[in-house]
């Protein structure tokens, strides 16, 4: 088996495995953030809430990636699951930027 055969996206067994692994890693992140959120309050809780939303968006995007374009569910090439995957990733990125902004302001307030 050559490197070319191993890297073939549509036939490699690692492809579905990695997609499932990414989803479960984001699910673990969601659980960790939820547990942390219960122990924290105040301004840091806002950051944790945004990171929790980030993880949910990314888990949703990775799950939709597993199903590909959704043609087996009745979607079409023009109206596919890939649009929803992209929207989930964009929403996740926005949550991440907002959480970063909250953290920046939190530390600015403490350090002057």
PDB file of N, CA and C in Angstrom:
ATOM      1  N   UNK A   1       0.857  -1.172   0.000  1.00  0.00           N
ATOM      2  CA  UNK A   1       0.000   0.000   0.000  1.00  0.00           C
ATOM      3  C   UNK A   1       0.908   1.241   0.000  1.00  0.00           C
ATOM      4  N   UNK A   2       0.656   2.127  -0.924  1.00  0.00           N
ATOM      5  CA  UNK A   2       1.488   3.318  -1.073  1.00  0.00           C
ATOM      6  C   UNK A   2       0.915   4.482  -0.265  1.00  0.00           C
ATOM      7  N   UNK A   3       1.711   5.535  -0.175  1.00  0.00           N
ATOM      8  CA  UNK A   3       1.270   6.758   0.514  1.00  0.00           C
ATOM      9  C   UNK A   3       0.045   7.334  -0.185  1.00  0.00           C
ATOM     10  N   UNK A   4       0.018   7.262  -1.493  1.00  0.00           N
ATOM     11  CA  UNK A   4      -1.125   7.784  -2.258  1.00  0.00           C
ATOM     12  C   UNK A   4      -2.393   7.028  -1.887  1.00  0.00           C
ATOM     13  N   UNK A   5      -2.298   5.712  -1.775  1.00  0.00           N
ATOM     14  CA  UNK A   5      -3.473   4.921  -1.414  1.00  0.00           C
ATOM     15  C   UNK A   5      -3.922   5.201   0.027  1.00  0.00           C
ATOM     16  N   UNK A   6      -2.975   5.392   0.916  1.00  0.00           N
ATOM     17  CA  UNK A   6      -3.316   5.691   2.303  1.00  0.00           C
ATOM     18  C   UNK A   6      -3.964   7.054   2.465  1.00  0.00           C
ATOM     19  N   UNK A   7      -3.594   7.987   1.612  1.00  0.00           N
ATOM     20  CA  UNK A   7      -4.124   9.343   1.738  1.00  0.00           C
ATOM     21  C   UNK A   7      -5.384   9.571   0.905  1.00  0.00           C
ATOM     22  N   UNK A   8      -5.889   8.563   0.242  1.00  0.00           N
ATOM     23  CA  UNK A   8      -7.107   8.703  -0.559  1.00  0.00           C
ATOM     24  C   UNK A   8      -8.287   8.980   0.365  1.00  0.00           C
ATOM     25  N   UNK A   9      -8.882  10.156   0.235  1.00  0.00           N
ATOM     26  CA  UNK A   9      -9.898  10.644   1.163  1.00  0.00           C
ATOM     27  C   UNK A   9     -11.153   9.773   1.177  1.00  0.00           C
ATOM     28  N   UNK A  10     -11.620   9.369   0.027  1.00  0.00           N
ATOM     29  CA  UNK A  10     -12.918   8.687  -0.041  1.00  0.00           C
ATOM     30  C   UNK A  10     -12.855   7.223   0.355  1.00  0.00           C
ATOM     31  N   UNK A  11     -11.679   6.601   0.323  1.00  0.00           N
ATOM     32  CA  UNK A  11     -11.599   5.169   0.609  1.00  0.00           C
ATOM     33  C   UNK A  11     -10.861   4.835   1.895  1.00  0.00           C
ATOM     34  N   UNK A  12     -10.183   5.777   2.485  1.00  0.00           N
ATOM     35  CA  UNK A  12      -9.408   5.504   3.684  1.00  0.00           C
ATOM     36  C   UNK A  12     -10.326   5.330   4.890  1.00  0.00           C
ATOM     37  N   UNK A  13     -10.075   4.307   5.693  1.00  0.00           N
ATOM     38  CA  UNK A  13     -10.895   4.046   6.877  1.00  0.00           C
ATOM     39  C   UNK A  13     -10.673   5.084   7.977  1.00  0.00           C
ATOM     40  N   UNK A  14      -9.559   5.793   7.918  1.00  0.00           N
ATOM     41  CA  UNK A  14      -9.292   6.824   8.917  1.00  0.00           C
ATOM     42  C   UNK A  14     -10.254   8.004   8.769  1.00  0.00           C
ATOM     43  N   UNK A  15     -10.775   8.221   7.584  1.00  0.00           N
ATOM     44  CA  UNK A  15     -11.647   9.368   7.328  1.00  0.00           C
ATOM     45  C   UNK A  15     -12.873   9.359   8.237  1.00  0.00           C
ATOM     46  N   UNK A  16     -13.712   8.318   8.237  1.00  0.00           N
ATOM     47  CA  UNK A  16     -14.873   8.352   9.135  1.00  0.00           C
ATOM     48  C   UNK A  16     -14.465   8.281  10.605  1.00  0.00           C
ATOM     49  N   UNK A  17     -13.397   7.544  10.914  1.00  0.00           N
ATOM     50  CA  UNK A  17     -12.943   7.442  12.290  1.00  0.00           C
ATOM     51  C   UNK A  17     -12.543   8.805  12.843  1.00  0.00           C
ATOM     52  N   UNK A  18     -11.787   9.567  12.081  1.00  0.00           N
ATOM     53  CA  UNK A  18     -11.347  10.884  12.542  1.00  0.00           C
ATOM     54  C   UNK A  18     -12.516  11.846  12.698  1.00  0.00           C
ATOM     55  N   UNK A  19     -13.502  11.765  11.813  1.00  0.00           N
ATOM     56  CA  UNK A  19     -14.680  12.624  11.938  1.00  0.00           C
ATOM     57  C   UNK A  19     -15.446  12.314  13.221  1.00  0.00           C
ATOM     58  N   UNK A  20     -15.575  11.035  13.534  1.00  0.00           N
ATOM     59  CA  UNK A  20     -16.258  10.642  14.765  1.00  0.00           C
ATOM     60  C   UNK A  20     -15.426  11.048  15.980  1.00  0.00           C
ATOM     61  N   UNK A  21     -14.116  10.876  15.907  1.00  0.00           N
ATOM     62  CA  UNK A  21     -13.227  11.251  17.001  1.00  0.00           C
ATOM     63  C   UNK A  21     -13.318  12.743  17.311  1.00  0.00           C
ATOM     64  N   UNK A  22     -13.337  13.572  16.270  1.00  0.00           N
ATOM     65  CA  UNK A  22     -13.446  15.021  16.467  1.00  0.00           C
ATOM     66  C   UNK A  22     -14.748  15.355  17.178  1.00  0.00           C
ATOM     67  N   UNK A  23     -15.842  14.737  16.765  1.00  0.00           N
ATOM     68  CA  UNK A  23     -17.130  14.992  17.415  1.00  0.00           C
ATOM     69  C   UNK A  23     -17.060  14.639  18.902  1.00  0.00           C
ATOM     70  N   UNK A  24     -16.519  13.459  19.231  1.00  0.00           N
ATOM     71  CA  UNK A  24     -16.460  13.050  20.637  1.00  0.00           C
ATOM     72  C   UNK A  24     -15.503  13.913  21.447  1.00  0.00           C
ATOM     73  N   UNK A  25     -14.443  14.408  20.843  1.00  0.00           N
ATOM     74  CA  UNK A  25     -13.556  15.324  21.557  1.00  0.00           C
ATOM     75  C   UNK A  25     -14.280  16.619  21.907  1.00  0.00           C
ATOM     76  N   UNK A  26     -15.078  17.147  20.980  1.00  0.00           N
ATOM     77  CA  UNK A  26     -15.852  18.341  21.289  1.00  0.00           C
ATOM     78  C   UNK A  26     -16.922  18.064  22.337  1.00  0.00           C
ATOM     79  N   UNK A  27     -17.482  16.871  22.335  1.00  0.00           N
ATOM     80  CA  UNK A  27     -18.454  16.518  23.371  1.00  0.00           C
ATOM     81  C   UNK A  27     -17.769  16.499  24.739  1.00  0.00           C
ATOM     82  N   UNK A  28     -16.553  15.982  24.807  1.00  0.00           N
ATOM     83  CA  UNK A  28     -15.791  15.997  26.061  1.00  0.00           C
ATOM     84  C   UNK A  28     -15.546  17.432  26.509  1.00  0.00           C
ATOM     85  N   UNK A  29     -15.203  18.301  25.572  1.00  0.00           N
ATOM     86  CA  UNK A  29     -14.983  19.711  25.899  1.00  0.00           C
ATOM     87  C   UNK A  29     -16.266  20.328  26.451  1.00  0.00           C
ATOM     88  N   UNK A  30     -17.394  20.006  25.866  1.00  0.00           N
ATOM     89  CA  UNK A  30     -18.667  20.530  26.346  1.00  0.00           C
ATOM     90  C   UNK A  30     -18.901  20.086  27.790  1.00  0.00           C
ATOM     91  N   UNK A  31     -18.642  18.836  28.092  1.00  0.00           N
ATOM     92  CA  UNK A  31     -18.838  18.329  29.452  1.00  0.00           C
ATOM     93  C   UNK A  31     -17.887  19.021  30.425  1.00  0.00           C
ATOM     94  N   UNK A  32     -16.634  19.191  30.045  1.00  0.00           N
ATOM     95  CA  UNK A  32     -15.669  19.856  30.921  1.00  0.00           C
ATOM     96  C   UNK A  32     -16.051  21.306  31.186  1.00  0.00           C
ATOM     97  N   UNK A  33     -16.460  22.028  30.153  1.00  0.00           N
ATOM     98  CA  UNK A  33     -16.857  23.416  30.352  1.00  0.00           C
ATOM     99  C   UNK A  33     -18.119  23.518  31.206  1.00  0.00           C
ATOM    100  N   UNK A  34     -19.044  22.601  31.010  1.00  0.00           N
ATOM    101  CA  UNK A  34     -20.256  22.623  31.821  1.00  0.00           C
ATOM    102  C   UNK A  34     -19.923  22.415  33.298  1.00  0.00           C
ATOM    103  N   UNK A  35     -19.026  21.462  33.575  1.00  0.00           N
ATOM    104  CA  UNK A  35     -18.625  21.217  34.968  1.00  0.00           C
ATOM    105  C   UNK A  35     -17.880  22.412  35.543  1.00  0.00           C
ATOM    106  N   UNK A  36     -17.032  23.038  34.755  1.00  0.00           N
ATOM    107  CA  UNK A  36     -16.299  24.213  35.212  1.00  0.00           C
ATOM    108  C   UNK A  36     -17.248  25.373  35.463  1.00  0.00           C
ATOM    109  N   UNK A  37     -18.239  25.521  34.625  1.00  0.00           N
ATOM    110  CA  UNK A  37     -19.210  26.617  34.749  1.00  0.00           C
ATOM    111  C   UNK A  37     -19.936  26.567  36.086  1.00  0.00           C
ATOM    112  N   UNK A  38     -20.201  25.368  36.556  1.00  0.00           N
ATOM    113  CA  UNK A  38     -20.910  25.231  37.825  1.00  0.00           C
ATOM    114  C   UNK A  38     -20.064  25.686  39.002  1.00  0.00           C
ATOM    115  N   UNK A  39     -18.752  25.714  38.847  1.00  0.00           N
ATOM    116  CA  UNK A  39     -17.862  26.085  39.947  1.00  0.00           C
ATOM    117  C   UNK A  39     -17.413  27.532  39.892  1.00  0.00           C
ATOM    118  N   UNK A  40     -17.690  28.223  38.804  1.00  0.00           N
ATOM    119  CA  UNK A  40     -17.236  29.606  38.635  1.00  0.00           C
ATOM    120  C   UNK A  40     -18.425  30.540  38.541  1.00  0.00           C
ATOM    121  N   UNK A  41     -18.180  31.801  38.834  1.00  0.00           N
ATOM    122  CA  UNK A  41     -19.225  32.808  38.730  1.00  0.00           C
ATOM    123  C   UNK A  41     -18.653  34.114  38.229  1.00  0.00           C
ATOM    124  N   UNK A  42     -19.465  35.134  38.240  1.00  0.00           N
ATOM    125  CA  UNK A  42     -19.019  36.466  37.860  1.00  0.00           C
ATOM    126  C   UNK A  42     -18.669  36.599  36.397  1.00  0.00           C
ATOM    127  N   UNK A  43     -17.667  37.413  36.149  1.00  0.00           N
ATOM    128  CA  UNK A  43     -17.288  37.710  34.767  1.00  0.00           C
ATOM    129  C   UNK A  43     -16.653  36.512  34.062  1.00  0.00           C
ATOM    130  N   UNK A  44     -15.972  35.666  34.829  1.00  0.00           N
ATOM    131  CA  UNK A  44     -15.357  34.501  34.208  1.00  0.00           C
ATOM    132  C   UNK A  44     -16.422  33.514  33.713  1.00  0.00           C
ATOM    133  N   UNK A  45     -17.589  33.546  34.354  1.00  0.00           N
ATOM    134  CA  UNK A  45     -18.686  32.674  33.918  1.00  0.00           C
ATOM    135  C   UNK A  45     -19.177  33.061  32.522  1.00  0.00           C
ATOM    136  N   UNK A  46     -19.127  34.348  32.176  1.00  0.00           N
ATOM    137  CA  UNK A  46     -19.500  34.785  30.825  1.00  0.00           C
ATOM    138  C   UNK A  46     -18.576  34.172  29.792  1.00  0.00           C
ATOM    139  N   UNK A  47     -17.291  34.142  30.123  1.00  0.00           N
ATOM    140  CA  UNK A  47     -16.317  33.538  29.209  1.00  0.00           C
ATOM    141  C   UNK A  47     -16.600  32.045  29.059  1.00  0.00           C
ATOM    142  N   UNK A  48     -16.856  31.387  30.179  1.00  0.00           N
ATOM    143  CA  UNK A  48     -17.130  29.955  30.146  1.00  0.00           C
ATOM    144  C   UNK A  48     -18.397  29.668  29.351  1.00  0.00           C
ATOM    145  N   UNK A  49     -19.416  30.521  29.501  1.00  0.00           N
ATOM    146  CA  UNK A  49     -20.642  30.348  28.723  1.00  0.00           C
ATOM    147  C   UNK A  49     -20.370  30.463  27.226  1.00  0.00           C
ATOM    148  N   UNK A  50     -19.562  31.442  26.837  1.00  0.00           N
ATOM    149  CA  UNK A  50     -19.232  31.602  25.418  1.00  0.00           C
ATOM    150  C   UNK A  50     -18.400  30.426  24.902  1.00  0.00           C
ATOM    151  N   UNK A  51     -17.503  29.927  25.721  1.00  0.00           N
ATOM    152  CA  UNK A  51     -16.712  28.768  25.316  1.00  0.00           C
ATOM    153  C   UNK A  51     -17.585  27.514  25.232  1.00  0.00           C
ATOM    154  N   UNK A  52     -18.579  27.438  26.092  1.00  0.00           N
ATOM    155  CA  UNK A  52     -19.533  26.334  26.031  1.00  0.00           C
ATOM    156  C   UNK A  52     -20.308  26.382  24.711  1.00  0.00           C
ATOM    157  N   UNK A  53     -20.775  27.572  24.343  1.00  0.00           N
ATOM    158  CA  UNK A  53     -21.466  27.723  23.054  1.00  0.00           C
ATOM    159  C   UNK A  53     -20.536  27.411  21.883  1.00  0.00           C
ATOM    160  N   UNK A  54     -19.272  27.838  21.994  1.00  0.00           N
ATOM    161  CA  UNK A  54     -18.280  27.529  20.977  1.00  0.00           C
ATOM    162  C   UNK A  54     -18.180  26.013  20.787  1.00  0.00           C
ATOM    163  N   UNK A  55     -18.065  25.288  21.891  1.00  0.00           N
ATOM    164  CA  UNK A  55     -17.923  23.834  21.807  1.00  0.00           C
ATOM    165  C   UNK A  55     -19.161  23.179  21.212  1.00  0.00           C
ATOM    166  N   UNK A  56     -20.337  23.678  21.576  1.00  0.00           N
ATOM    167  CA  UNK A  56     -21.569  23.139  20.988  1.00  0.00           C
ATOM    168  C   UNK A  56     -21.620  23.367  19.476  1.00  0.00           C
ATOM    169  N   UNK A  57     -21.233  24.557  19.052  1.00  0.00           N
ATOM    170  CA  UNK A  57     -21.221  24.870  17.619  1.00  0.00           C
ATOM    171  C   UNK A  57     -20.223  23.988  16.871  1.00  0.00           C
ATOM    172  N   UNK A  58     -19.062  23.807  17.460  1.00  0.00           N
ATOM    173  CA  UNK A  58     -18.047  23.003  16.795  1.00  0.00           C
ATOM    174  C   UNK A  58     -18.439  21.522  16.769  1.00  0.00           C
ATOM    175  N   UNK A  59     -19.055  21.034  17.832  1.00  0.00           N
ATOM    176  CA  UNK A  59     -19.527  19.649  17.843  1.00  0.00           C
ATOM    177  C   UNK A  59     -20.616  19.457  16.794  1.00  0.00           C
ATOM    178  N   UNK A  60     -21.509  20.423  16.670  1.00  0.00           N
ATOM    179  CA  UNK A  60     -22.554  20.354  15.650  1.00  0.00           C
ATOM    180  C   UNK A  60     -21.948  20.359  14.256  1.00  0.00           C
ATOM    181  N   UNK A  61     -20.986  21.249  14.022  1.00  0.00           N
ATOM    182  CA  UNK A  61     -20.326  21.308  12.719  1.00  0.00           C
ATOM    183  C   UNK A  61     -19.614  20.016  12.379  1.00  0.00           C
ATOM    184  N   UNK A  62     -18.946  19.421  13.359  1.00  0.00           N
ATOM    185  CA  UNK A  62     -18.231  18.174  13.082  1.00  0.00           C
ATOM    186  C   UNK A  62     -19.193  17.016  12.851  1.00  0.00           C
ATOM    187  N   UNK A  63     -20.322  17.015  13.543  1.00  0.00           N
ATOM    188  CA  UNK A  63     -21.330  15.982  13.306  1.00  0.00           C
ATOM    189  C   UNK A  63     -21.909  16.110  11.903  1.00  0.00           C
ATOM    190  N   UNK A  64     -22.201  17.338  11.494  1.00  0.00           N
ATOM    191  CA  UNK A  64     -22.712  17.548  10.144  1.00  0.00           C
ATOM    192  C   UNK A  64     -21.668  17.167   9.099  1.00  0.00           C
ATOM    193  N   UNK A  65     -20.391  17.363   9.416  1.00  0.00           N
ATOM    194  CA  UNK A  65     -19.321  16.975   8.496  1.00  0.00           C
ATOM    195  C   UNK A  65     -19.313  15.469   8.290  1.00  0.00           C
ATOM    196  N   UNK A  66     -19.619  14.731   9.324  1.00  0.00           N
ATOM    197  CA  UNK A  66     -19.656  13.271   9.214  1.00  0.00           C
ATOM    198  C   UNK A  66     -20.680  12.828   8.167  1.00  0.00           C
ATOM    199  N   UNK A  67     -21.820  13.518   8.105  1.00  0.00           N
ATOM    200  CA  UNK A  67     -22.868  13.148   7.155  1.00  0.00           C
ATOM    201  C   UNK A  67     -22.643  13.738   5.768  1.00  0.00           C
ATOM    202  N   UNK A  68     -21.588  14.519   5.600  1.00  0.00           N
ATOM    203  CA  UNK A  68     -21.235  15.047   4.277  1.00  0.00           C
ATOM    204  C   UNK A  68     -22.246  16.038   3.763  1.00  0.00           C
ATOM    205  N   UNK A  69     -22.651  15.862   2.512  1.00  0.00           N
ATOM    206  CA  UNK A  69     -23.558  16.826   1.886  1.00  0.00           C
ATOM    207  C   UNK A  69     -25.019  16.550   2.197  1.00  0.00           C
ATOM    208  N   UNK A  70     -25.326  15.403   2.783  1.00  0.00           N
ATOM    209  CA  UNK A  70     -26.698  15.090   3.177  1.00  0.00           C
ATOM    210  C   UNK A  70     -27.593  14.601   2.063  1.00  0.00           C
ATOM    211  N   UNK A  71     -27.000  14.194   0.954  1.00  0.00           N
ATOM    212  CA  UNK A  71     -27.813  13.718  -0.161  1.00  0.00           C
ATOM    213  C   UNK A  71     -28.645  12.494   0.223  1.00  0.00           C
ATOM    214  N   UNK A  72     -28.151  11.674   1.130  1.00  0.00           N
ATOM    215  CA  UNK A  72     -28.917  10.491   1.548  1.00  0.00           C
ATOM    216  C   UNK A  72     -30.131  10.861   2.389  1.00  0.00           C
ATOM    217  N   UNK A  73     -30.170  12.099   2.899  1.00  0.00           N
ATOM    218  CA  UNK A  73     -31.311  12.571   3.683  1.00  0.00           C
ATOM    219  C   UNK A  73     -32.283  13.404   2.857  1.00  0.00           C
ATOM    220  N   UNK A  74     -32.021  13.542   1.562  1.00  0.00           N
ATOM    221  CA  UNK A  74     -32.912  14.301   0.704  1.00  0.00           C
ATOM    222  C   UNK A  74     -32.447  15.711   0.399  1.00  0.00           C
ATOM    223  N   UNK A  75     -31.278  16.096   0.886  1.00  0.00           N
ATOM    224  CA  UNK A  75     -30.743  17.408   0.540  1.00  0.00           C
ATOM    225  C   UNK A  75     -30.253  17.381  -0.904  1.00  0.00           C
ATOM    226  N   UNK A  76     -30.090  18.548  -1.464  1.00  0.00           N
ATOM    227  CA  UNK A  76     -29.593  18.656  -2.839  1.00  0.00           C
ATOM    228  C   UNK A  76     -28.201  19.263  -2.822  1.00  0.00           C
ATOM    229  N   UNK A  77     -27.569  19.311  -3.983  1.00  0.00           N
ATOM    230  CA  UNK A  77     -26.236  19.913  -4.082  1.00  0.00           C
ATOM    231  C   UNK A  77     -26.278  21.394  -3.697  1.00  0.00           C
ATOM    232  N   UNK A  78     -27.356  22.090  -4.070  1.00  0.00           N
ATOM    233  CA  UNK A  78     -27.468  23.514  -3.771  1.00  0.00           C
ATOM    234  C   UNK A  78     -27.855  23.773  -2.319  1.00  0.00           C
ATOM    235  N   UNK A  79     -28.632  22.893  -1.757  1.00  0.00           N
ATOM    236  CA  UNK A  79     -29.138  23.050  -0.390  1.00  0.00           C
ATOM    237  C   UNK A  79     -28.665  21.846   0.416  1.00  0.00           C
ATOM    238  N   UNK A  80     -27.409  21.857   0.795  1.00  0.00           N
ATOM    239  CA  UNK A  80     -26.822  20.680   1.422  1.00  0.00           C
ATOM    240  C   UNK A  80     -26.472  20.942   2.885  1.00  0.00           C
ATOM    241  N   UNK A  81     -26.099  19.881   3.562  1.00  0.00           N
ATOM    242  CA  UNK A  81     -25.679  19.993   4.956  1.00  0.00           C
ATOM    243  C   UNK A  81     -24.391  20.789   5.100  1.00  0.00           C
ATOM    244  N   UNK A  82     -23.643  20.914   4.019  1.00  0.00           N
ATOM    245  CA  UNK A  82     -22.392  21.666   4.088  1.00  0.00           C
ATOM    246  C   UNK A  82     -22.649  23.134   4.430  1.00  0.00           C
ATOM    247  N   UNK A  83     -23.795  23.683   4.014  1.00  0.00           N
ATOM    248  CA  UNK A  83     -24.138  25.059   4.397  1.00  0.00           C
ATOM    249  C   UNK A  83     -24.324  25.160   5.904  1.00  0.00           C
ATOM    250  N   UNK A  84     -25.021  24.190   6.476  1.00  0.00           N
ATOM    251  CA  UNK A  84     -25.259  24.201   7.919  1.00  0.00           C
ATOM    252  C   UNK A  84     -23.962  23.960   8.688  1.00  0.00           C
ATOM    253  N   UNK A  85     -23.096  23.128   8.126  1.00  0.00           N
ATOM    254  CA  UNK A  85     -21.788  22.907   8.740  1.00  0.00           C
ATOM    255  C   UNK A  85     -21.007  24.209   8.779  1.00  0.00           C
ATOM    256  N   UNK A  86     -20.988  24.931   7.683  1.00  0.00           N
ATOM    257  CA  UNK A  86     -20.271  26.205   7.631  1.00  0.00           C
ATOM    258  C   UNK A  86     -20.865  27.214   8.605  1.00  0.00           C
ATOM    259  N   UNK A  87     -22.192  27.272   8.685  1.00  0.00           N
ATOM    260  CA  UNK A  87     -22.837  28.190   9.627  1.00  0.00           C
ATOM    261  C   UNK A  87     -22.505  27.838  11.072  1.00  0.00           C
ATOM    262  N   UNK A  88     -22.440  26.548  11.387  1.00  0.00           N
ATOM    263  CA  UNK A  88     -22.076  26.134  12.749  1.00  0.00           C
ATOM    264  C   UNK A  88     -20.644  26.554  13.061  1.00  0.00           C
ATOM    265  N   UNK A  89     -19.735  26.404  12.103  1.00  0.00           N
ATOM    266  CA  UNK A  89     -18.347  26.802  12.332  1.00  0.00           C
ATOM    267  C   UNK A  89     -18.209  28.318  12.461  1.00  0.00           C
ATOM    268  N   UNK A  90     -18.973  29.058  11.689  1.00  0.00           N
ATOM    269  CA  UNK A  90     -18.933  30.522  11.792  1.00  0.00           C
ATOM    270  C   UNK A  90     -19.470  30.962  13.154  1.00  0.00           C
ATOM    271  N   UNK A  91     -20.576  30.359  13.590  1.00  0.00           N
ATOM    272  CA  UNK A  91     -21.126  30.689  14.910  1.00  0.00           C
ATOM    273  C   UNK A  91     -20.118  30.342  16.006  1.00  0.00           C
ATOM    274  N   UNK A  92     -19.433  29.221  15.866  1.00  0.00           N
ATOM    275  CA  UNK A  92     -18.406  28.848  16.827  1.00  0.00           C
ATOM    276  C   UNK A  92     -17.262  29.845  16.857  1.00  0.00           C
ATOM    277  N   UNK A  93     -16.845  30.292  15.694  1.00  0.00           N
ATOM    278  CA  UNK A  93     -15.756  31.273  15.626  1.00  0.00           C
ATOM    279  C   UNK A  93     -16.167  32.588  16.278  1.00  0.00           C
ATOM    280  N   UNK A  94     -17.399  33.002  16.063  1.00  0.00           N
ATOM    281  CA  UNK A  94     -17.893  34.245  16.682  1.00  0.00           C
ATOM    282  C   UNK A  94     -17.901  34.094  18.208  1.00  0.00           C
ATOM    283  N   UNK A  95     -18.363  32.958  18.707  1.00  0.00           N
ATOM    284  CA  UNK A  95     -18.351  32.720  20.158  1.00  0.00           C
ATOM    285  C   UNK A  95     -16.928  32.755  20.702  1.00  0.00           C
ATOM    286  N   UNK A  96     -15.993  32.194  19.959  1.00  0.00           N
ATOM    287  CA  UNK A  96     -14.604  32.179  20.405  1.00  0.00           C
ATOM    288  C   UNK A  96     -14.018  33.585  20.458  1.00  0.00           C
ATOM    289  N   UNK A  97     -14.320  34.387  19.449  1.00  0.00           N
ATOM    290  CA  UNK A  97     -13.830  35.777  19.434  1.00  0.00           C
ATOM    291  C   UNK A  97     -14.436  36.557  20.598  1.00  0.00           C
ATOM    292  N   UNK A  98     -15.727  36.387  20.844  1.00  0.00           N
ATOM    293  CA  UNK A  98     -16.371  37.080  21.956  1.00  0.00           C
ATOM    294  C   UNK A  98     -15.797  36.640  23.306  1.00  0.00           C
ATOM    295  N   UNK A  99     -15.515  35.351  23.455  1.00  0.00           N
ATOM    296  CA  UNK A  99     -14.905  34.865  24.697  1.00  0.00           C
ATOM    297  C   UNK A  99     -13.514  35.450  24.870  1.00  0.00           C
ATOM    298  N   UNK A 100     -12.759  35.526  23.794  1.00  0.00           N
ATOM    299  CA  UNK A 100     -11.421  36.120  23.865  1.00  0.00           C
ATOM    300  C   UNK A 100     -11.494  37.590  24.258  1.00  0.00           C
ATOM    301  N   UNK A 101     -12.461  38.295  23.714  1.00  0.00           N
ATOM    302  CA  UNK A 101     -12.654  39.704  24.045  1.00  0.00           C
ATOM    303  C   UNK A 101     -13.024  39.859  25.522  1.00  0.00           C
ATOM    304  N   UNK A 102     -13.892  38.988  26.010  1.00  0.00           N
ATOM    305  CA  UNK A 102     -14.266  39.024  27.429  1.00  0.00           C
ATOM    306  C   UNK A 102     -13.049  38.775  28.323  1.00  0.00           C
ATOM    307  N   UNK A 103     -12.223  37.816  27.957  1.00  0.00           N
ATOM    308  CA  UNK A 103     -11.023  37.531  28.737  1.00  0.00           C
ATOM    309  C   UNK A 103     -10.052  38.694  28.710  1.00  0.00           C
ATOM    310  N   UNK A 104      -9.887  39.293  27.552  1.00  0.00           N
ATOM    311  CA  UNK A 104      -8.995  40.444  27.437  1.00  0.00           C
ATOM    312  C   UNK A 104      -9.447  41.563  28.352  1.00  0.00           C
ATOM    313  N   UNK A 105     -10.739  41.856  28.360  1.00  0.00           N
ATOM    314  CA  UNK A 105     -11.276  42.905  29.234  1.00  0.00           C
ATOM    315  C   UNK A 105     -11.207  42.513  30.704  1.00  0.00           C
ATOM    316  N   UNK A 106     -11.344  41.257  30.999  1.00  0.00           N
ATOM    317  CA  UNK A 106     -11.246  40.797  32.382  1.00  0.00           C
ATOM    318  C   UNK A 106      -9.850  41.041  32.930  1.00  0.00           C
ATOM    319  N   UNK A 107      -8.843  40.722  32.147  1.00  0.00           N
ATOM    320  CA  UNK A 107      -7.472  40.912  32.612  1.00  0.00           C
ATOM    321  C   UNK A 107      -7.030  42.363  32.546  1.00  0.00           C
ATOM    322  N   UNK A 108      -7.565  43.134  31.630  1.00  0.00           N
ATOM    323  CA  UNK A 108      -7.259  44.575  31.592  1.00  0.00           C
ATOM    324  C   UNK A 108      -7.776  45.251  32.851  1.00  0.00           C
ATOM    325  N   UNK A 109      -8.955  44.851  33.292  1.00  0.00           N
ATOM    326  CA  UNK A 109      -9.544  45.456  34.489  1.00  0.00           C
ATOM    327  C   UNK A 109      -8.726  45.171  35.734  1.00  0.00           C
ATOM    328  N   UNK A 110      -8.104  44.008  35.794  1.00  0.00           N
ATOM    329  CA  UNK A 110      -7.308  43.644  36.973  1.00  0.00           C
ATOM    330  C   UNK A 110      -5.925  44.273  36.951  1.00  0.00           C
ATOM    331  N   UNK A 111      -5.351  44.454  35.766  1.00  0.00           N
ATOM    332  CA  UNK A 111      -3.985  44.956  35.659  1.00  0.00           C
ATOM    333  C   UNK A 111      -3.911  46.448  35.372  1.00  0.00           C
ATOM    334  N   UNK A 112      -5.017  47.090  35.255  1.00  0.00           N
ATOM    335  CA  UNK A 112      -5.016  48.532  35.023  1.00  0.00           C
ATOM    336  C   UNK A 112      -5.121  48.814  33.602  1.00  0.00           C
TER     337      UNK A 112
END
